[in-house]
Amino acid sequence: MVNHKRRKRLLKLLAEHQTASVPQLVDWLSASPATVRRDISWLAARSLLTRTRGGAANLEQKKRSFTLTSETFQHNIQCYAERKRAIARHAAGMCAEGETIIINGGTTTFMMAEFLVDHHLKILTNSFLMAERLLVSSENEIIVPGGKVYREQNVILSPFDNDITQHHYAAKMFMSVYGLSLLGLMEADPLLIQAEKRLISQAEELIVLVDSSKFAKKAGLILCGLNRVSTVITDTYASDSAVQLLEQSGVRVVTVEPEAVPAQVNASPFTSPFDYQAAAMFQSEVSH
């Protein structure tokens, strides 16, 4: 087992058992005592666990204050969550094993992570939350741009035109947007326009994930026209007239029934103490 996978597994075990001795970790991780001790030292140096006599302990809850989410994201992910979850599940089901896809930052696209756990994809994303979740929970290959993290928008944006991610081509791009109209995809934040225009140009098929409330939202910035959109996935609350207008514009529309959201998923993008530790670990790995 490679270092980062073993260390993530070690943190997850501590989240489940709270404390563990070196012999226990040796058994659970199928690693040597020396390797386990090195991992404990590495993680302790980054404040991801507490060293104990003969082992390690999970950090106390009060120390888990690290979060990459903004208050806006925390609020938005709970709005129309039942609709977004169903849309995200359907979108994840459109992914073929082994293909390369792009996923942008957004609450509906973020919900796809839960349903991509058992996939084996190459995923390019500018969402640090999406990258963190998939690194922790799946075996997908994750690619992120280098650059500055913008917490409010939930994106990583490179200041350079020749960022390495521009050389990646994807069969599909899954995108959340602020609003949708006959004019096209709309955003309210110029920063998101800058980040997403780059990604759109690198995908063959653009699939837009919007709950039905997005049809009523208007914004001053047009990201792209409907002629660039191949499919819109929305929920059954979308009006017949809105669906028909999209179809008349050549867009395939899929409507899905909202589904119940488990309480622990609806409460927060981070659903366990381990997720906070993993987020910090992800930040450490990206910054180095």
Protein backbone atom coordinates (compact mmCIF):
# COMPACT_ATOMS: atom_id res chain seq x y z
CA MET A 1 0.00 0.00 0.00
CA VAL A 2 1.42 3.39 -1.00
CA ASN A 3 2.07 6.00 1.69
CA HIS A 4 -0.88 8.34 1.15
CA LYS A 5 -3.42 5.50 0.96
CA ARG A 6 -2.05 3.84 4.08
CA ARG A 7 -2.07 7.12 6.03
CA LYS A 8 -5.64 7.85 5.01
CA ARG A 9 -6.60 4.36 6.10
CA LEU A 10 -4.83 4.92 9.42
CA LEU A 11 -6.79 8.13 10.03
CA LYS A 12 -10.03 6.40 9.17
CA LEU A 13 -9.27 3.61 11.62
CA LEU A 14 -8.62 6.14 14.38
CA ALA A 15 -11.89 7.92 13.55
CA GLU A 16 -13.65 4.57 14.04
CA HIS A 17 -11.76 3.31 17.12
CA GLN A 18 -10.55 6.61 18.69
CA THR A 19 -7.26 5.02 19.83
CA ALA A 20 -5.00 2.22 18.61
CA SER A 21 -1.70 0.67 19.58
CA VAL A 22 1.14 0.13 17.14
CA PRO A 23 0.54 -3.67 17.10
CA GLN A 24 -3.14 -3.10 16.28
CA LEU A 25 -2.27 -0.74 13.43
CA VAL A 26 0.35 -3.19 12.15
CA ASP A 27 -2.36 -5.84 11.95
CA TRP A 28 -5.04 -3.60 10.42
CA LEU A 29 -2.73 -2.01 7.86
CA SER A 30 -0.61 -5.06 7.06
CA ALA A 31 2.46 -2.90 7.56
CA SER A 32 5.65 -3.22 9.58
CA PRO A 33 5.99 -1.60 13.03
CA ALA A 34 8.63 0.75 11.66
CA THR A 35 6.33 1.88 8.85
CA VAL A 36 3.44 2.46 11.25
CA ARG A 37 5.62 4.52 13.59
CA ARG A 38 6.84 6.64 10.66
CA ASP A 39 3.25 7.23 9.58
CA ILE A 40 2.23 8.23 13.10
CA SER A 41 5.14 10.70 13.26
CA TRP A 42 4.28 12.12 9.82
CA LEU A 43 0.60 12.61 10.68
CA ALA A 44 1.32 13.96 14.16
CA ALA A 45 3.68 16.56 12.69
CA ARG A 46 0.76 17.83 10.62
CA SER A 47 -1.64 17.84 13.58
CA LEU A 48 -3.78 15.08 12.08
CA LEU A 49 -3.57 12.75 15.09
CA THR A 50 -2.23 12.66 18.64
CA ARG A 51 0.72 10.45 19.51
CA THR A 52 0.26 8.27 22.59
CA ARG A 53 2.53 5.92 24.52
CA GLY A 54 2.68 2.90 22.23
CA GLY A 55 0.28 4.14 19.58
CA ALA A 56 -1.94 7.00 18.40
CA ALA A 57 -5.27 8.62 19.18
CA ASN A 58 -7.88 10.43 17.17
CA LEU A 59 -7.89 14.21 17.61
CA GLU A 60 -10.46 15.60 20.01
CA GLN A 61 -13.53 17.09 18.35
CA LYS A 62 -12.66 20.59 19.53
CA LYS A 63 -9.43 20.40 17.55
CA ARG A 64 -11.23 19.57 14.32
CA SER A 65 -11.98 23.13 13.32
CA PHE A 66 -10.46 22.90 9.86
CA THR A 67 -12.95 23.31 7.04
CA LEU A 68 -12.64 24.23 3.40
CA THR A 69 -16.30 25.12 2.98
CA SER A 70 -17.74 28.61 3.00
CA GLU A 71 -20.99 29.48 4.77
CA THR A 72 -22.58 30.05 1.36
CA PHE A 73 -21.70 26.55 0.20
CA GLN A 74 -22.92 25.04 3.48
CA HIS A 75 -26.26 26.81 3.00
CA ASN A 76 -26.67 26.10 -0.71
CA ILE A 77 -26.01 22.38 -0.44
CA GLN A 78 -29.04 22.05 1.83
CA CYS A 79 -31.37 23.98 -0.50
CA TYR A 80 -33.44 21.58 -2.65
CA ALA A 81 -31.15 18.78 -1.48
CA GLU A 82 -33.62 16.04 -2.44
CA ARG A 83 -33.69 17.31 -6.01
CA LYS A 84 -29.93 17.77 -6.22
CA ARG A 85 -29.22 14.28 -4.88
CA ALA A 86 -31.38 12.60 -7.51
CA ILE A 87 -29.81 14.70 -10.26
CA ALA A 88 -26.31 13.85 -9.03
CA ARG A 89 -27.08 10.13 -8.89
CA HIS A 90 -28.32 10.13 -12.49
CA ALA A 91 -25.28 12.13 -13.66
CA ALA A 92 -22.87 9.69 -12.01
CA GLY A 93 -24.66 6.84 -13.76
CA MET A 94 -23.74 8.38 -17.11
CA CYS A 95 -20.02 7.84 -16.49
CA ALA A 96 -18.38 4.93 -18.28
CA GLU A 97 -15.58 3.06 -16.53
CA GLY A 98 -12.12 4.30 -17.45
CA GLU A 99 -13.15 7.51 -19.19
CA THR A 100 -11.95 11.02 -18.45
CA ILE A 101 -14.52 13.49 -17.14
CA ILE A 102 -14.55 17.07 -15.85
CA ILE A 103 -16.60 18.19 -12.85
CA ASN A 104 -16.88 21.86 -11.90
CA GLY A 105 -17.43 23.34 -8.46
CA GLY A 106 -21.05 23.44 -7.31
CA THR A 107 -23.36 21.90 -4.75
CA THR A 108 -25.17 19.59 -7.18
CA THR A 109 -21.99 18.39 -8.86
CA PHE A 110 -20.41 17.91 -5.42
CA MET A 111 -23.16 15.43 -4.59
CA MET A 112 -21.92 13.25 -7.46
CA ALA A 113 -18.93 12.24 -5.32
CA GLU A 114 -21.05 9.89 -3.22
CA PHE A 115 -22.07 7.97 -6.33
CA LEU A 116 -18.60 7.85 -7.90
CA VAL A 117 -16.98 5.94 -5.05
CA ASP A 118 -16.96 2.60 -6.88
CA HIS A 119 -15.94 4.01 -10.26
CA HIS A 120 -12.49 4.06 -11.82
CA LEU A 121 -12.30 7.31 -13.74
CA LYS A 122 -9.84 10.08 -14.47
CA ILE A 123 -11.52 13.16 -13.02
CA LEU A 124 -10.37 16.72 -13.65
CA THR A 125 -11.98 19.16 -11.24
CA ASN A 126 -11.41 22.73 -10.13
CA SER A 127 -13.40 22.06 -6.95
CA PHE A 128 -11.17 21.44 -3.94
CA LEU A 129 -14.11 19.89 -2.07
CA MET A 130 -14.76 17.44 -4.88
CA ALA A 131 -11.07 16.57 -5.10
CA GLU A 132 -10.82 16.04 -1.33
CA ARG A 133 -13.86 13.82 -1.15
CA LEU A 134 -12.88 11.63 -4.10
CA LEU A 135 -9.29 11.28 -2.91
CA VAL A 136 -10.52 10.04 0.44
CA SER A 137 -13.38 7.80 -0.63
CA SER A 138 -12.49 6.37 -4.04
CA GLU A 139 -9.80 4.97 -6.31
CA ASN A 140 -10.50 7.49 -9.07
CA GLU A 141 -7.53 9.40 -10.48
CA ILE A 142 -7.94 13.06 -9.52
CA ILE A 143 -6.42 16.01 -11.39
CA VAL A 144 -6.63 19.58 -10.08
CA PRO A 145 -5.26 22.84 -11.48
CA GLY A 146 -2.46 24.59 -9.66
CA GLY A 147 -3.33 27.98 -8.27
CA LYS A 148 -5.22 29.84 -5.59
CA VAL A 149 -8.13 28.35 -3.65
CA TYR A 150 -11.20 30.61 -3.58
CA ARG A 151 -13.24 29.37 -0.64
CA GLU A 152 -16.42 31.34 -1.37
CA GLN A 153 -16.66 30.02 -4.93
CA ASN A 154 -15.26 26.56 -4.08
CA VAL A 155 -12.77 26.62 -6.95
CA ILE A 156 -9.05 26.40 -7.58
CA LEU A 157 -8.06 28.92 -10.20
CA SER A 158 -4.70 29.11 -11.90
CA PRO A 159 -3.36 32.56 -12.80
CA PHE A 160 -1.43 31.07 -15.71
CA ASP A 161 -2.80 30.46 -19.20
CA ASN A 162 -0.59 27.40 -19.65
CA ASP A 163 -1.80 25.48 -16.60
CA ILE A 164 -1.16 21.74 -16.99
CA THR A 165 -4.88 20.93 -16.88
CA GLN A 166 -5.45 22.56 -20.27
CA HIS A 167 -3.79 19.54 -21.88
CA HIS A 168 -6.42 17.13 -20.57
CA TYR A 169 -9.35 16.24 -22.82
CA ALA A 170 -12.60 14.80 -21.45
CA ALA A 171 -15.47 12.88 -22.95
CA LYS A 172 -17.95 14.63 -20.63
CA MET A 173 -18.09 17.69 -18.44
CA PHE A 174 -20.63 17.85 -15.61
CA MET A 175 -21.48 21.40 -14.64
CA SER A 176 -23.59 23.21 -12.06
CA VAL A 177 -24.60 26.79 -12.88
CA TYR A 178 -26.31 29.73 -11.20
CA GLY A 179 -29.16 29.86 -13.69
CA LEU A 180 -30.42 28.56 -17.03
CA SER A 181 -32.42 30.35 -19.73
CA LEU A 182 -32.83 30.45 -23.49
CA LEU A 183 -29.82 32.76 -23.55
CA GLY A 184 -27.67 29.95 -22.15
CA LEU A 185 -25.88 29.12 -18.93
CA MET A 186 -25.69 32.02 -16.50
CA GLU A 187 -23.33 32.86 -13.66
CA ALA A 188 -23.31 35.76 -11.21
CA ASP A 189 -19.58 35.65 -10.39
CA PRO A 190 -16.93 36.75 -12.95
CA LEU A 191 -14.40 34.50 -11.24
CA LEU A 192 -16.50 31.43 -12.02
CA ILE A 193 -16.84 32.51 -15.64
CA GLN A 194 -13.05 32.65 -15.88
CA ALA A 195 -12.61 29.24 -14.30
CA GLU A 196 -15.33 27.42 -16.21
CA LYS A 197 -14.79 28.75 -19.72
CA ARG A 198 -11.42 26.99 -19.75
CA LEU A 199 -12.94 23.68 -18.70
CA ILE A 200 -15.85 23.78 -21.15
CA SER A 201 -13.46 24.00 -24.09
CA GLN A 202 -11.80 20.74 -23.01
CA ALA A 203 -14.88 18.50 -23.07
CA GLU A 204 -16.71 16.88 -25.95
CA GLU A 205 -20.08 16.68 -24.21
CA LEU A 206 -21.41 19.29 -21.75
CA ILE A 207 -23.93 17.97 -19.23
CA VAL A 208 -25.62 20.56 -17.02
CA LEU A 209 -26.99 19.67 -13.58
CA VAL A 210 -29.69 22.11 -12.45
CA ASP A 211 -32.55 21.70 -10.03
CA SER A 212 -35.79 23.28 -11.24
CA SER A 213 -35.31 26.43 -9.13
CA LYS A 214 -32.45 27.44 -11.44
CA PHE A 215 -34.90 28.13 -14.30
CA ALA A 216 -36.20 31.15 -12.38
CA LYS A 217 -32.77 32.61 -11.61
CA LYS A 218 -31.35 35.41 -13.72
CA ALA A 219 -27.78 36.69 -13.77
CA GLY A 220 -25.84 39.28 -15.70
CA LEU A 221 -23.13 36.97 -17.06
CA ILE A 222 -23.57 34.43 -19.84
CA LEU A 223 -21.15 31.52 -19.62
CA CYS A 224 -22.10 29.90 -22.94
CA GLY A 225 -25.08 29.42 -25.24
CA LEU A 226 -27.41 26.45 -25.27
CA ASN A 227 -25.82 25.29 -28.51
CA ARG A 228 -22.85 24.10 -26.42
CA VAL A 229 -25.06 22.06 -24.06
CA SER A 230 -25.85 18.45 -24.95
CA THR A 231 -27.89 17.39 -21.92
CA VAL A 232 -29.66 19.04 -18.99
CA ILE A 233 -30.51 16.93 -15.96
CA THR A 234 -33.20 18.48 -13.78
CA ASP A 235 -36.02 17.36 -11.51
CA THR A 236 -39.70 16.66 -12.10
CA TYR A 237 -40.69 20.07 -10.67
CA ALA A 238 -39.41 21.70 -13.86
CA SER A 239 -42.30 23.14 -15.85
CA ASP A 240 -43.32 21.52 -19.12
CA SER A 241 -42.81 24.83 -20.92
CA ALA A 242 -39.21 25.13 -19.68
CA VAL A 243 -38.43 21.57 -20.76
CA GLN A 244 -40.02 22.08 -24.17
CA LEU A 245 -38.09 25.29 -24.80
CA LEU A 246 -34.82 23.51 -24.05
CA GLU A 247 -35.71 20.60 -26.30
CA GLN A 248 -36.68 22.98 -29.10
CA SER A 249 -33.18 24.45 -28.74
CA GLY A 250 -31.69 21.01 -29.40
CA VAL A 251 -30.92 20.15 -25.77
CA ARG A 252 -31.74 16.70 -24.41
CA VAL A 253 -33.58 17.02 -21.09
CA VAL A 254 -33.70 14.34 -18.40
CA THR A 255 -36.06 14.79 -15.43
CA VAL A 256 -35.65 12.74 -12.26
CA GLU A 257 -37.78 12.26 -9.16
CA PRO A 258 -36.37 13.88 -6.00
CA GLU A 259 -35.09 11.41 -3.43
CA ALA A 260 -34.69 11.54 0.32
CA VAL A 261 -31.31 12.66 1.64
CA PRO A 262 -29.84 10.73 4.59
CA ALA A 263 -29.57 12.99 7.63
CA GLN A 264 -25.78 12.75 7.86
CA VAL A 265 -25.38 13.72 4.19
CA ASN A 266 -27.77 16.64 4.40
CA ALA A 267 -26.13 18.04 7.52
CA SER A 268 -22.77 18.95 6.01
CA PRO A 269 -20.46 18.26 3.05
CA PHE A 270 -18.13 16.65 5.63
CA THR A 271 -20.04 13.71 7.08
CA SER A 272 -17.56 12.34 9.59
CA PRO A 273 -14.70 13.50 11.83
CA PHE A 274 -12.32 11.76 9.46
CA ASP A 275 -13.36 14.08 6.64
CA TYR A 276 -11.99 17.12 8.47
CA GLN A 277 -8.67 15.36 8.96
CA ALA A 278 -8.62 14.25 5.33
CA ALA A 279 -9.29 17.80 4.19
CA ALA A 280 -6.28 19.02 6.10
CA MET A 281 -4.21 16.18 4.69
CA PHE A 282 -5.36 17.05 1.18
CA GLN A 283 -4.40 20.68 1.66
CA SER A 284 -0.97 19.59 2.89
CA GLU A 285 -0.39 17.35 -0.14
CA VAL A 286 -1.58 19.96 -2.67
CA SER A 287 0.53 22.74 -1.16
CA HIS A 288 3.66 20.64 -1.40
